[in-house]
C-alpha cells in the first residue's frame, strides 16, 4: 500500500465512521487543540470530556489562562492526574501571551520550545488547527503504525520510536491534514485497540501484523519491573471549628504546586512536628494505611487525624504556604486525589 493509498483508506473510513462530535472538534482553534491534546495524554476521552468542558468554560482563551493564578488552574485539573501537564499549560500560556502576542506559532520548532509541547503535540496543533502538513505519534497512533508495519520493540525505546516516526512522516499527507490526524487517532481509539477489531479496519489488507496473524504482539510490551514502594504520614490536623491544615508543595517535583496535608517520614517526625508547633491535641487517631499508585512507584500513606484542643492558628500558620481549609466555604485549590479523599472522610466525621 502506497502512502497515497494509505491516506485514502484512512480518510474514507474517517468520513464515514470517524468521531466528529467531541467537544474539542467544535469551533477548532490552536488553543482548543492544544488543551485537548495535553489533557488526552495518558488519559481516556471519556475521562477528559468533563474536565475539558469545565476548563474551557473558565479559561476560554490563552490570555485568560495566562492571567489566572496557578492555584485555580490546578484546582480545575484536580482528579485528572499528571499535574505537570497543568503547570506546563500555564507556563506555555504565559509564554504565548508575552512572546507571541497571544498567537500560537504554527512552526513545529517554535511550538516545541513551549513547555510541555513535544513533537507529537506540536504536530497535532499544526495539522489540526492550522491544516498544515505534520506527523503525529501519540499512544494510539504508535499502536496503529507498529501493527501496520510490524515494528518490533517497545515504543519507549529510542530505536523503536525512531522507526515509528519515520513511518509517520512517510505516510503524513500534504492535504486534509486535520482529518488525517484525527482519523489516525480515532482508528487507534476505536478499532486498533489493545484488543483490535481487525475485520472492520480500513487498512487490514495491508497490515503486516494481521498478515502474521499476530496483531497482539505489536507494539512490544514495556519491560516489567516491580515498582518501589514509598511511605509517608499525612497529618490531618483539624481546628475545633472544623478547618483542616493544608500546605503547598514546592512548584516542581511530586505534586508540584498542589496543596496537601503536612507530611512526615516516620512517627518520630510526627512528634517533632507537634512539639515544634506547640500543638495541644484533644485527640489523635492513626487511620488505616492507604495506597496511591503513580506510574513509577506506589505511595503508601498513613493518615493521622489530630484534633486540636484550642485554636493554635498562629502557632502553625507561619507562611503563605499554609492554609486552614474550610470545607463549607472552600477556596479553589489544586489537590491530589488522596488529599481530596481524606478531606471528604474528615468532613464526614465532623
C-alpha atoms as a PDB file:
ATOM      1  CA  UNK A   1       0.000   0.000   0.000  1.00  0.00           C
ATOM      2  CA  UNK A   2       1.476   3.337  -1.061  1.00  0.00           C
ATOM      3  CA  UNK A   3       1.288   6.366   1.241  1.00  0.00           C
ATOM      4  CA  UNK A   4      -1.434   7.784  -1.008  1.00  0.00           C
ATOM      5  CA  UNK A   5      -3.455   4.566  -0.766  1.00  0.00           C
ATOM      6  CA  UNK A   6      -2.977   4.514   3.000  1.00  0.00           C
ATOM      7  CA  UNK A   7      -4.180   8.114   3.274  1.00  0.00           C
ATOM      8  CA  UNK A   8      -7.175   7.443   1.032  1.00  0.00           C
ATOM      9  CA  UNK A   9      -8.212   4.378   3.051  1.00  0.00           C
ATOM     10  CA  UNK A  10      -7.872   6.186   6.367  1.00  0.00           C
ATOM     11  CA  UNK A  11      -9.723   9.305   5.193  1.00  0.00           C
ATOM     12  CA  UNK A  12     -12.544   7.387   3.540  1.00  0.00           C
ATOM     13  CA  UNK A  13     -13.096   5.466   6.745  1.00  0.00           C
ATOM     14  CA  UNK A  14     -12.987   8.672   8.779  1.00  0.00           C
ATOM     15  CA  UNK A  15     -15.531  10.396   6.571  1.00  0.00           C
ATOM     16  CA  UNK A  16     -17.934   7.517   7.192  1.00  0.00           C
ATOM     17  CA  UNK A  17     -17.100   6.315  10.701  1.00  0.00           C
ATOM     18  CA  UNK A  18     -14.843   8.824  12.434  1.00  0.00           C
ATOM     19  CA  UNK A  19     -15.737  10.780  15.548  1.00  0.00           C
ATOM     20  CA  UNK A  20     -16.767  14.338  14.757  1.00  0.00           C
ATOM     21  CA  UNK A  21     -18.778  15.423  17.791  1.00  0.00           C
ATOM     22  CA  UNK A  22     -16.166  15.558  20.545  1.00  0.00           C
ATOM     23  CA  UNK A  23     -16.121  18.937  22.358  1.00  0.00           C
ATOM     24  CA  UNK A  24     -12.686  19.937  21.044  1.00  0.00           C
ATOM     25  CA  UNK A  25     -13.760  19.199  17.458  1.00  0.00           C
ATOM     26  CA  UNK A  26     -16.218  22.088  17.542  1.00  0.00           C
ATOM     27  CA  UNK A  27     -15.014  25.614  16.684  1.00  0.00           C
ATOM     28  CA  UNK A  28     -11.426  24.401  16.370  1.00  0.00           C
ATOM     29  CA  UNK A  29      -8.647  26.798  17.373  1.00  0.00           C
ATOM     30  CA  UNK A  30      -4.961  26.221  18.143  1.00  0.00           C
ATOM     31  CA  UNK A  31      -5.821  26.826  21.804  1.00  0.00           C
ATOM     32  CA  UNK A  32      -8.592  24.221  21.927  1.00  0.00           C
ATOM     33  CA  UNK A  33      -6.459  21.648  20.103  1.00  0.00           C
ATOM     34  CA  UNK A  34      -3.559  22.286  22.472  1.00  0.00           C
ATOM     35  CA  UNK A  35      -5.644  21.991  25.653  1.00  0.00           C
ATOM     36  CA  UNK A  36      -7.355  18.816  24.459  1.00  0.00           C
ATOM     37  CA  UNK A  37      -4.108  17.180  23.310  1.00  0.00           C
ATOM     38  CA  UNK A  38      -2.421  17.848  26.655  1.00  0.00           C
ATOM     39  CA  UNK A  39      -5.420  16.509  28.585  1.00  0.00           C
ATOM     40  CA  UNK A  40      -5.604  13.404  26.391  1.00  0.00           C
ATOM     41  CA  UNK A  41      -2.020  12.410  27.143  1.00  0.00           C
ATOM     42  CA  UNK A  42      -2.266   9.144  29.095  1.00  0.00           C
ATOM     43  CA  UNK A  43      -5.977   9.803  29.745  1.00  0.00           C
ATOM     44  CA  UNK A  44      -9.081   8.366  28.075  1.00  0.00           C
ATOM     45  CA  UNK A  45     -11.508  10.518  26.095  1.00  0.00           C
ATOM     46  CA  UNK A  46     -14.456   9.745  28.387  1.00  0.00           C
ATOM     47  CA  UNK A  47     -12.476  10.963  31.395  1.00  0.00           C
ATOM     48  CA  UNK A  48     -11.223  14.094  29.652  1.00  0.00           C
ATOM     49  CA  UNK A  49     -14.546  15.417  28.308  1.00  0.00           C
ATOM     50  CA  UNK A  50     -15.964  16.917  31.554  1.00  0.00           C
ATOM     51  CA  UNK A  51     -12.555  18.301  32.572  1.00  0.00           C
ATOM     52  CA  UNK A  52     -12.104  19.887  29.152  1.00  0.00           C
ATOM     53  CA  UNK A  53     -15.551  21.472  29.237  1.00  0.00           C
ATOM     54  CA  UNK A  54     -15.044  22.985  32.709  1.00  0.00           C
ATOM     55  CA  UNK A  55     -11.540  24.142  31.835  1.00  0.00           C
ATOM     56  CA  UNK A  56     -12.608  25.841  28.613  1.00  0.00           C
ATOM     57  CA  UNK A  57     -15.566  27.495  30.282  1.00  0.00           C
ATOM     58  CA  UNK A  58     -13.268  29.073  32.869  1.00  0.00           C
ATOM     59  CA  UNK A  59     -10.276  29.652  30.558  1.00  0.00           C
ATOM     60  CA  UNK A  60     -11.757  30.220  27.074  1.00  0.00           C
ATOM     61  CA  UNK A  61      -8.556  31.592  25.552  1.00  0.00           C
ATOM     62  CA  UNK A  62      -4.833  31.746  26.082  1.00  0.00           C
ATOM     63  CA  UNK A  63      -4.915  35.250  27.593  1.00  0.00           C
ATOM     64  CA  UNK A  64      -7.367  34.195  30.315  1.00  0.00           C
ATOM     65  CA  UNK A  65      -5.269  31.152  31.145  1.00  0.00           C
ATOM     66  CA  UNK A  66      -2.066  33.206  31.230  1.00  0.00           C
ATOM     67  CA  UNK A  67      -3.561  35.687  33.715  1.00  0.00           C
ATOM     68  CA  UNK A  68      -5.077  33.047  36.002  1.00  0.00           C
ATOM     69  CA  UNK A  69      -3.484  32.059  39.324  1.00  0.00           C
ATOM     70  CA  UNK A  70      -1.782  28.668  39.139  1.00  0.00           C
ATOM     71  CA  UNK A  71      -3.838  27.535  42.152  1.00  0.00           C
ATOM     72  CA  UNK A  72      -7.022  27.915  40.141  1.00  0.00           C
ATOM     73  CA  UNK A  73      -5.581  26.086  37.142  1.00  0.00           C
ATOM     74  CA  UNK A  74      -4.511  23.185  39.349  1.00  0.00           C
ATOM     75  CA  UNK A  75      -7.899  23.212  41.082  1.00  0.00           C
ATOM     76  CA  UNK A  76      -9.671  22.597  37.760  1.00  0.00           C
ATOM     77  CA  UNK A  77      -7.126  19.875  36.995  1.00  0.00           C
ATOM     78  CA  UNK A  78      -7.751  18.061  40.302  1.00  0.00           C
ATOM     79  CA  UNK A  79      -8.670  14.462  39.554  1.00  0.00           C
ATOM     80  CA  UNK A  80      -7.102  14.385  36.078  1.00  0.00           C
ATOM     81  CA  UNK A  81      -3.639  13.471  37.360  1.00  0.00           C
ATOM     82  CA  UNK A  82      -0.173  14.068  35.893  1.00  0.00           C
ATOM     83  CA  UNK A  83      -0.217  17.611  37.251  1.00  0.00           C
ATOM     84  CA  UNK A  84       2.962  18.668  35.460  1.00  0.00           C
ATOM     85  CA  UNK A  85       0.712  18.937  32.392  1.00  0.00           C
ATOM     86  CA  UNK A  86      -1.323  21.684  34.071  1.00  0.00           C
ATOM     87  CA  UNK A  87       1.772  23.556  35.234  1.00  0.00           C
ATOM     88  CA  UNK A  88       3.194  23.399  31.707  1.00  0.00           C
ATOM     89  CA  UNK A  89      -0.098  24.609  30.222  1.00  0.00           C
ATOM     90  CA  UNK A  90       0.007  27.630  32.491  1.00  0.00           C
ATOM     91  CA  UNK A  91       3.657  28.395  31.729  1.00  0.00           C
ATOM     92  CA  UNK A  92       3.128  27.953  27.982  1.00  0.00           C
ATOM     93  CA  UNK A  93       0.100  30.260  28.048  1.00  0.00           C
ATOM     94  CA  UNK A  94       2.237  32.941  29.657  1.00  0.00           C
ATOM     95  CA  UNK A  95       4.979  32.426  27.054  1.00  0.00           C
ATOM     96  CA  UNK A  96       2.472  32.677  24.190  1.00  0.00           C
ATOM     97  CA  UNK A  97       0.892  35.798  25.684  1.00  0.00           C
ATOM     98  CA  UNK A  98       4.223  37.504  26.349  1.00  0.00           C
ATOM     99  CA  UNK A  99       6.429  36.320  23.489  1.00  0.00           C
ATOM    100  CA  UNK A 100       3.966  35.656  20.664  1.00  0.00           C
ATOM    101  CA  UNK A 101       1.339  38.364  21.253  1.00  0.00           C
ATOM    102  CA  UNK A 102      -1.141  35.639  22.289  1.00  0.00           C
ATOM    103  CA  UNK A 103      -0.918  33.988  18.866  1.00  0.00           C
ATOM    104  CA  UNK A 104       0.108  30.346  18.579  1.00  0.00           C
ATOM    105  CA  UNK A 105       3.090  29.751  16.322  1.00  0.00           C
ATOM    106  CA  UNK A 106       2.409  27.238  13.532  1.00  0.00           C
ATOM    107  CA  UNK A 107       6.034  26.238  13.128  1.00  0.00           C
ATOM    108  CA  UNK A 108       6.933  22.875  14.673  1.00  0.00           C
ATOM    109  CA  UNK A 109      10.233  24.081  16.108  1.00  0.00           C
ATOM    110  CA  UNK A 110       8.638  27.141  17.700  1.00  0.00           C
ATOM    111  CA  UNK A 111       5.809  25.056  19.142  1.00  0.00           C
ATOM    112  CA  UNK A 112       8.257  22.575  20.654  1.00  0.00           C
ATOM    113  CA  UNK A 113      10.059  25.321  22.556  1.00  0.00           C
ATOM    114  CA  UNK A 114       6.926  25.788  24.687  1.00  0.00           C
ATOM    115  CA  UNK A 115       6.807  23.882  27.996  1.00  0.00           C
ATOM    116  CA  UNK A 116       5.043  20.539  27.715  1.00  0.00           C
ATOM    117  CA  UNK A 117       4.700  20.534  23.927  1.00  0.00           C
ATOM    118  CA  UNK A 118       6.582  17.657  22.368  1.00  0.00           C
ATOM    119  CA  UNK A 119       6.902  16.545  18.777  1.00  0.00           C
ATOM    120  CA  UNK A 120       3.525  14.795  18.536  1.00  0.00           C
ATOM    121  CA  UNK A 121       1.548  17.546  20.270  1.00  0.00           C
ATOM    122  CA  UNK A 122       3.215  20.133  18.026  1.00  0.00           C
ATOM    123  CA  UNK A 123       2.268  18.019  15.019  1.00  0.00           C
ATOM    124  CA  UNK A 124      -1.336  17.798  16.195  1.00  0.00           C
ATOM    125  CA  UNK A 125      -1.599  21.576  16.652  1.00  0.00           C
ATOM    126  CA  UNK A 126      -0.030  22.273  13.252  1.00  0.00           C
ATOM    127  CA  UNK A 127      -2.028  19.657  11.329  1.00  0.00           C
ATOM    128  CA  UNK A 128      -5.435  20.020  13.029  1.00  0.00           C
ATOM    129  CA  UNK A 129      -5.552  23.719  13.942  1.00  0.00           C
ATOM    130  CA  UNK A 130      -3.556  25.136  11.016  1.00  0.00           C
ATOM    131  CA  UNK A 131      -4.249  22.360   8.459  1.00  0.00           C
ATOM    132  CA  UNK A 132      -0.529  22.250   7.665  1.00  0.00           C
ATOM    133  CA  UNK A 133       1.490  19.061   6.982  1.00  0.00           C
ATOM    134  CA  UNK A 134       2.823  17.428  10.151  1.00  0.00           C
ATOM    135  CA  UNK A 135       3.094  13.914  11.528  1.00  0.00           C
ATOM    136  CA  UNK A 136       1.662  12.817  14.877  1.00  0.00           C
ATOM    137  CA  UNK A 137       2.573   9.869  17.072  1.00  0.00           C
ATOM    138  CA  UNK A 138       0.504   9.651  20.228  1.00  0.00           C
ATOM    139  CA  UNK A 139      -0.102   6.369  22.048  1.00  0.00           C
ATOM    140  CA  UNK A 140      -2.940   5.234  19.807  1.00  0.00           C
ATOM    141  CA  UNK A 141      -1.078   6.100  16.614  1.00  0.00           C
ATOM    142  CA  UNK A 142       2.004   4.221  17.801  1.00  0.00           C
ATOM    143  CA  UNK A 143      -0.142   1.109  18.116  1.00  0.00           C
ATOM    144  CA  UNK A 144      -1.667   1.541  14.635  1.00  0.00           C
ATOM    145  CA  UNK A 145       1.662   2.068  12.908  1.00  0.00           C
ATOM    146  CA  UNK A 146       3.516  -0.606  14.870  1.00  0.00           C
ATOM    147  CA  UNK A 147       0.945  -3.152  13.706  1.00  0.00           C
ATOM    148  CA  UNK A 148       0.667  -1.806  10.179  1.00  0.00           C
ATOM    149  CA  UNK A 149       4.433  -2.071   9.612  1.00  0.00           C
ATOM    150  CA  UNK A 150       5.091  -4.888  12.146  1.00  0.00           C
ATOM    151  CA  UNK A 151       7.630  -2.810  14.064  1.00  0.00           C
ATOM    152  CA  UNK A 152       9.123  -4.874  16.876  1.00  0.00           C
ATOM    153  CA  UNK A 153      10.035  -3.444  20.240  1.00  0.00           C
ATOM    154  CA  UNK A 154       8.548  -1.266  22.929  1.00  0.00           C
ATOM    155  CA  UNK A 155       7.838   2.272  21.618  1.00  0.00           C
ATOM    156  CA  UNK A 156       9.520   3.678  24.703  1.00  0.00           C
ATOM    157  CA  UNK A 157      12.873   2.553  23.280  1.00  0.00           C
ATOM    158  CA  UNK A 158      14.585   5.187  21.153  1.00  0.00           C
ATOM    159  CA  UNK A 159      15.323   2.762  18.308  1.00  0.00           C
ATOM    160  CA  UNK A 160      11.678   1.676  18.043  1.00  0.00           C
ATOM    161  CA  UNK A 161      10.414   5.229  18.365  1.00  0.00           C
ATOM    162  CA  UNK A 162      12.736   6.377  15.584  1.00  0.00           C
ATOM    163  CA  UNK A 163      11.297   3.738  13.233  1.00  0.00           C
ATOM    164  CA  UNK A 164       7.735   4.715  14.088  1.00  0.00           C
ATOM    165  CA  UNK A 165       8.442   8.397  13.469  1.00  0.00           C
ATOM    166  CA  UNK A 166       9.960   7.555  10.086  1.00  0.00           C
ATOM    167  CA  UNK A 167       6.750   5.739   9.097  1.00  0.00           C
ATOM    168  CA  UNK A 168       4.553   8.511  10.477  1.00  0.00           C
ATOM    169  CA  UNK A 169       6.456  11.114   8.451  1.00  0.00           C
ATOM    170  CA  UNK A 170       6.365   8.982   5.315  1.00  0.00           C
ATOM    171  CA  UNK A 171       2.600   8.480   5.494  1.00  0.00           C
ATOM    172  CA  UNK A 172       1.579  12.033   6.520  1.00  0.00           C
ATOM    173  CA  UNK A 173      -0.316  13.803   3.703  1.00  0.00           C
ATOM    174  CA  UNK A 174       0.067  17.313   2.341  1.00  0.00           C
ATOM    175  CA  UNK A 175      -3.691  17.914   2.207  1.00  0.00           C
ATOM    176  CA  UNK A 176      -6.620  17.217   4.567  1.00  0.00           C
ATOM    177  CA  UNK A 177      -4.071  17.056   7.349  1.00  0.00           C
ATOM    178  CA  UNK A 178      -6.591  17.826  10.086  1.00  0.00           C
ATOM    179  CA  UNK A 179      -8.911  14.993   9.075  1.00  0.00           C
ATOM    180  CA  UNK A 180      -5.999  12.604   8.583  1.00  0.00           C
ATOM    181  CA  UNK A 181      -4.549  13.235  12.050  1.00  0.00           C
ATOM    182  CA  UNK A 182      -7.963  12.832  13.641  1.00  0.00           C
ATOM    183  CA  UNK A 183      -8.582   9.683  11.584  1.00  0.00           C
ATOM    184  CA  UNK A 184      -5.371   8.031  12.792  1.00  0.00           C
ATOM    185  CA  UNK A 185      -6.171   8.843  16.420  1.00  0.00           C
ATOM    186  CA  UNK A 186      -9.745   7.594  16.001  1.00  0.00           C
ATOM    187  CA  UNK A 187      -8.582   4.382  14.372  1.00  0.00           C
ATOM    188  CA  UNK A 188      -6.339   3.633  17.329  1.00  0.00           C
ATOM    189  CA  UNK A 189      -9.008   4.588  19.854  1.00  0.00           C
ATOM    190  CA  UNK A 190     -11.943   2.692  18.333  1.00  0.00           C
ATOM    191  CA  UNK A 191     -10.683  -0.192  16.145  1.00  0.00           C
ATOM    192  CA  UNK A 192      -6.949  -0.766  16.559  1.00  0.00           C
ATOM    193  CA  UNK A 193      -7.279  -1.025  20.321  1.00  0.00           C
ATOM    194  CA  UNK A 194      -5.264  -3.382  22.539  1.00  0.00           C
ATOM    195  CA  UNK A 195      -7.905  -5.961  21.509  1.00  0.00           C
ATOM    196  CA  UNK A 196      -8.329  -4.939  17.867  1.00  0.00           C
ATOM    197  CA  UNK A 197     -11.412  -5.251  15.673  1.00  0.00           C
ATOM    198  CA  UNK A 198      -9.460  -6.181  12.561  1.00  0.00           C
ATOM    199  CA  UNK A 199     -12.362  -7.216  10.259  1.00  0.00           C
ATOM    200  CA  UNK A 200     -13.652  -3.620  10.130  1.00  0.00           C
ATOM    201  CA  UNK A 201     -10.255  -1.902   9.825  1.00  0.00           C
ATOM    202  CA  UNK A 202      -9.773   0.110   6.610  1.00  0.00           C
ATOM    203  CA  UNK A 203      -6.099  -0.888   6.311  1.00  0.00           C
ATOM    204  CA  UNK A 204      -6.464  -4.537   7.347  1.00  0.00           C
ATOM    205  CA  UNK A 205      -5.497  -5.753   3.879  1.00  0.00           C
ATOM    206  CA  UNK A 206      -2.051  -4.156   4.167  1.00  0.00           C
ATOM    207  CA  UNK A 207      -1.437  -4.727   7.890  1.00  0.00           C
ATOM    208  CA  UNK A 208       1.677  -6.835   8.383  1.00  0.00           C
ATOM    209  CA  UNK A 209       0.778  -7.770  11.946  1.00  0.00           C
ATOM    210  CA  UNK A 210      -2.572  -9.138  10.746  1.00  0.00           C
ATOM    211  CA  UNK A 211      -0.831 -10.977   7.894  1.00  0.00           C
ATOM    212  CA  UNK A 212       1.272 -12.660  10.575  1.00  0.00           C
ATOM    213  CA  UNK A 213      -1.985 -13.432  12.422  1.00  0.00           C
ATOM    214  CA  UNK A 214      -0.449 -11.860  15.494  1.00  0.00           C
ATOM    215  CA  UNK A 215      -1.591  -8.231  15.963  1.00  0.00           C
ATOM    216  CA  UNK A 216      -1.449  -8.623  19.748  1.00  0.00           C
ATOM    217  CA  UNK A 217       2.332  -8.895  19.507  1.00  0.00           C
ATOM    218  CA  UNK A 218       2.549  -5.252  18.452  1.00  0.00           C
ATOM    219  CA  UNK A 219       3.583  -2.863  19.767  1.00  0.00           C
ATOM    220  CA  UNK A 220       6.136  -4.508  22.020  1.00  0.00           C
ATOM    221  CA  UNK A 221       5.378  -4.501  25.717  1.00  0.00           C
ATOM    222  CA  UNK A 222       7.139  -2.323  28.237  1.00  0.00           C
ATOM    223  CA  UNK A 223       9.641  -4.388  30.227  1.00  0.00           C
ATOM    224  CA  UNK A 224       8.090  -5.441  33.511  1.00  0.00           C
ATOM    225  CA  UNK A 225       9.572  -4.256  36.750  1.00  0.00           C
ATOM    226  CA  UNK A 226       8.436  -4.144  40.334  1.00  0.00           C
ATOM    227  CA  UNK A 227       7.643  -0.569  41.243  1.00  0.00           C
ATOM    228  CA  UNK A 228       9.214   0.552  44.521  1.00  0.00           C
ATOM    229  CA  UNK A 229       7.054   1.491  47.493  1.00  0.00           C
ATOM    230  CA  UNK A 230       7.474   4.761  49.392  1.00  0.00           C
ATOM    231  CA  UNK A 231       5.941   5.500  52.780  1.00  0.00           C
ATOM    232  CA  UNK A 232       4.704   8.719  54.346  1.00  0.00           C
ATOM    233  CA  UNK A 233       2.405  10.006  57.082  1.00  0.00           C
ATOM    234  CA  UNK A 234      -0.283  12.614  56.389  1.00  0.00           C
ATOM    235  CA  UNK A 235      -1.221  14.795  59.352  1.00  0.00           C
ATOM    236  CA  UNK A 236      -4.930  15.563  59.074  1.00  0.00           C
ATOM    237  CA  UNK A 237      -4.977  18.419  61.591  1.00  0.00           C
ATOM    238  CA  UNK A 238      -8.341  19.994  62.410  1.00  0.00           C
ATOM    239  CA  UNK A 239      -9.236  23.042  64.469  1.00  0.00           C
ATOM    240  CA  UNK A 240     -12.178  22.901  66.891  1.00  0.00           C
ATOM    241  CA  UNK A 241     -14.175  24.805  64.276  1.00  0.00           C
ATOM    242  CA  UNK A 242     -13.512  22.107  61.664  1.00  0.00           C
ATOM    243  CA  UNK A 243     -10.903  23.728  59.390  1.00  0.00           C
ATOM    244  CA  UNK A 244      -8.137  21.445  58.127  1.00  0.00           C
ATOM    245  CA  UNK A 245      -4.499  22.454  57.766  1.00  0.00           C
ATOM    246  CA  UNK A 246      -3.058  22.260  54.244  1.00  0.00           C
ATOM    247  CA  UNK A 247       0.341  23.258  52.988  1.00  0.00           C
ATOM    248  CA  UNK A 248       1.524  23.993  49.484  1.00  0.00           C
ATOM    249  CA  UNK A 249       4.154  21.832  47.832  1.00  0.00           C
ATOM    250  CA  UNK A 250       7.134  23.402  46.039  1.00  0.00           C
ATOM    251  CA  UNK A 251       6.375  24.259  42.400  1.00  0.00           C
ATOM    252  CA  UNK A 252       8.380  21.372  40.957  1.00  0.00           C
ATOM    253  CA  UNK A 253       8.574  17.694  41.790  1.00  0.00           C
ATOM    254  CA  UNK A 254       5.935  15.280  43.012  1.00  0.00           C
ATOM    255  CA  UNK A 255       2.540  17.009  43.284  1.00  0.00           C
ATOM    256  CA  UNK A 256       4.309  20.276  42.483  1.00  0.00           C
ATOM    257  CA  UNK A 257       2.275  23.348  43.406  1.00  0.00           C
ATOM    258  CA  UNK A 258      -0.539  21.281  44.924  1.00  0.00           C
ATOM    259  CA  UNK A 259      -1.962  21.624  48.424  1.00  0.00           C
ATOM    260  CA  UNK A 260      -1.530  18.600  50.663  1.00  0.00           C
ATOM    261  CA  UNK A 261      -1.583  17.698  54.340  1.00  0.00           C
ATOM    262  CA  UNK A 262       1.675  18.124  56.266  1.00  0.00           C
ATOM    263  CA  UNK A 263       3.855  15.075  55.652  1.00  0.00           C
ATOM    264  CA  UNK A 264       6.266  13.228  57.934  1.00  0.00           C
ATOM    265  CA  UNK A 265       8.590  10.339  57.181  1.00  0.00           C
ATOM    266  CA  UNK A 266       8.014   8.464  60.443  1.00  0.00           C
ATOM    267  CA  UNK A 267       6.367   8.699  63.865  1.00  0.00           C
ATOM    268  CA  UNK A 268       9.365  10.455  65.373  1.00  0.00           C
ATOM    269  CA  UNK A 269       8.947  13.201  62.786  1.00  0.00           C
ATOM    270  CA  UNK A 270       5.249  13.405  63.683  1.00  0.00           C
ATOM    271  CA  UNK A 271       6.142  14.025  67.329  1.00  0.00           C
ATOM    272  CA  UNK A 272       8.762  16.600  66.347  1.00  0.00           C
ATOM    273  CA  UNK A 273       6.245  18.454  64.179  1.00  0.00           C
ATOM    274  CA  UNK A 274       3.715  18.619  67.016  1.00  0.00           C
ATOM    275  CA  UNK A 275       6.318  19.779  69.524  1.00  0.00           C
ATOM    276  CA  UNK A 276       7.788  22.412  67.197  1.00  0.00           C
ATOM    277  CA  UNK A 277       4.373  23.968  66.579  1.00  0.00           C
ATOM    278  CA  UNK A 278       3.136  23.692  70.163  1.00  0.00           C
ATOM    279  CA  UNK A 279       0.176  21.538  69.187  1.00  0.00           C
ATOM    280  CA  UNK A 280      -2.192  20.668  72.026  1.00  0.00           C
ATOM    281  CA  UNK A 281      -4.271  17.729  70.893  1.00  0.00           C
ATOM    282  CA  UNK A 282      -7.747  16.881  72.032  1.00  0.00           C
ATOM    283  CA  UNK A 283      -7.420  13.523  70.276  1.00  0.00           C
ATOM    284  CA  UNK A 284      -5.138  11.653  67.944  1.00  0.00           C
ATOM    285  CA  UNK A 285      -6.139   8.717  65.769  1.00  0.00           C
ATOM    286  CA  UNK A 286      -3.992   6.623  63.435  1.00  0.00           C
ATOM    287  CA  UNK A 287      -6.181   5.647  60.474  1.00  0.00           C
ATOM    288  CA  UNK A 288      -5.732   2.631  58.175  1.00  0.00           C
ATOM    289  CA  UNK A 289      -2.930   2.862  55.647  1.00  0.00           C
ATOM    290  CA  UNK A 290      -3.864   3.638  52.057  1.00  0.00           C
ATOM    291  CA  UNK A 291      -2.043   3.307  48.728  1.00  0.00           C
ATOM    292  CA  UNK A 292      -1.816   5.687  45.776  1.00  0.00           C
ATOM    293  CA  UNK A 293      -0.092   4.384  42.654  1.00  0.00           C
ATOM    294  CA  UNK A 294       1.968   6.558  40.341  1.00  0.00           C
ATOM    295  CA  UNK A 295       3.399   5.486  37.002  1.00  0.00           C
ATOM    296  CA  UNK A 296       6.744   4.541  38.531  1.00  0.00           C
ATOM    297  CA  UNK A 297       6.118   3.828  42.235  1.00  0.00           C
ATOM    298  CA  UNK A 298       3.499   3.166  44.905  1.00  0.00           C
ATOM    299  CA  UNK A 299       2.914   5.605  47.749  1.00  0.00           C
ATOM    300  CA  UNK A 300       1.658   4.051  50.985  1.00  0.00           C
ATOM    301  CA  UNK A 301       0.376   6.805  53.229  1.00  0.00           C
ATOM    302  CA  UNK A 302      -0.801   6.619  56.818  1.00  0.00           C
ATOM    303  CA  UNK A 303      -3.308   9.316  57.783  1.00  0.00           C
ATOM    304  CA  UNK A 304      -3.135  10.543  61.375  1.00  0.00           C
ATOM    305  CA  UNK A 305      -6.120  12.575  62.496  1.00  0.00           C
ATOM    306  CA  UNK A 306      -5.126  15.225  65.016  1.00  0.00           C
ATOM    307  CA  UNK A 307      -7.901  17.242  66.609  1.00  0.00           C
ATOM    308  CA  UNK A 308      -6.601  20.436  68.216  1.00  0.00           C
ATOM    309  CA  UNK A 309      -7.690  21.264  71.744  1.00  0.00           C
ATOM    310  CA  UNK A 310      -7.580  25.003  71.095  1.00  0.00           C
ATOM    311  CA  UNK A 311      -7.257  27.280  68.106  1.00  0.00           C
ATOM    312  CA  UNK A 312      -3.493  27.265  67.539  1.00  0.00           C
ATOM    313  CA  UNK A 313      -3.771  29.084  64.242  1.00  0.00           C
ATOM    314  CA  UNK A 314      -0.877  31.433  64.962  1.00  0.00           C
ATOM    315  CA  UNK A 315       1.403  28.651  66.135  1.00  0.00           C
ATOM    316  CA  UNK A 316       1.116  26.686  62.891  1.00  0.00           C
ATOM    317  CA  UNK A 317       0.187  29.233  60.264  1.00  0.00           C
ATOM    318  CA  UNK A 318       3.662  30.613  59.625  1.00  0.00           C
ATOM    319  CA  UNK A 319       3.690  31.395  55.895  1.00  0.00           C
ATOM    320  CA  UNK A 320       1.630  31.884  52.775  1.00  0.00           C
ATOM    321  CA  UNK A 321       2.214  28.213  52.008  1.00  0.00           C
ATOM    322  CA  UNK A 322      -0.094  27.054  54.796  1.00  0.00           C
ATOM    323  CA  UNK A 323      -3.852  27.427  54.808  1.00  0.00           C
ATOM    324  CA  UNK A 324      -6.759  26.433  57.027  1.00  0.00           C
ATOM    325  CA  UNK A 325      -9.207  24.822  54.609  1.00  0.00           C
ATOM    326  CA  UNK A 326     -12.896  25.309  55.371  1.00  0.00           C
ATOM    327  CA  UNK A 327     -14.977  22.714  53.556  1.00  0.00           C
ATOM    328  CA  UNK A 328     -18.120  24.819  53.998  1.00  0.00           C
ATOM    329  CA  UNK A 329     -16.629  27.736  52.035  1.00  0.00           C
ATOM    330  CA  UNK A 330     -13.798  26.098  50.112  1.00  0.00           C
ATOM    331  CA  UNK A 331     -11.164  28.103  48.294  1.00  0.00           C
ATOM    332  CA  UNK A 332     -10.330  26.778  44.797  1.00  0.00           C
ATOM    333  CA  UNK A 333      -7.082  24.884  45.343  1.00  0.00           C
ATOM    334  CA  UNK A 334      -5.320  22.183  43.388  1.00  0.00           C
ATOM    335  CA  UNK A 335      -5.158  18.997  45.454  1.00  0.00           C
ATOM    336  CA  UNK A 336      -4.127  15.433  44.565  1.00  0.00           C
ATOM    337  CA  UNK A 337      -6.717  12.673  44.753  1.00  0.00           C
ATOM    338  CA  UNK A 338      -5.573  11.226  48.129  1.00  0.00           C
ATOM    339  CA  UNK A 339      -5.961  14.636  49.805  1.00  0.00           C
ATOM    340  CA  UNK A 340      -9.415  15.133  48.298  1.00  0.00           C
ATOM    341  CA  UNK A 341     -10.459  11.717  49.587  1.00  0.00           C
ATOM    342  CA  UNK A 342      -9.105  12.378  53.075  1.00  0.00           C
ATOM    343  CA  UNK A 343     -10.841  15.758  53.238  1.00  0.00           C
ATOM    344  CA  UNK A 344     -14.147  14.099  52.369  1.00  0.00           C
ATOM    345  CA  UNK A 345     -13.592  11.444  55.030  1.00  0.00           C
ATOM    346  CA  UNK A 346     -12.573  14.015  57.640  1.00  0.00           C
ATOM    347  CA  UNK A 347     -15.553  16.286  56.998  1.00  0.00           C
ATOM    348  CA  UNK A 348     -17.939  13.332  57.193  1.00  0.00           C
ATOM    349  CA  UNK A 349     -16.532  12.571  60.639  1.00  0.00           C
ATOM    350  CA  UNK A 350     -17.051  16.124  61.934  1.00  0.00           C
END
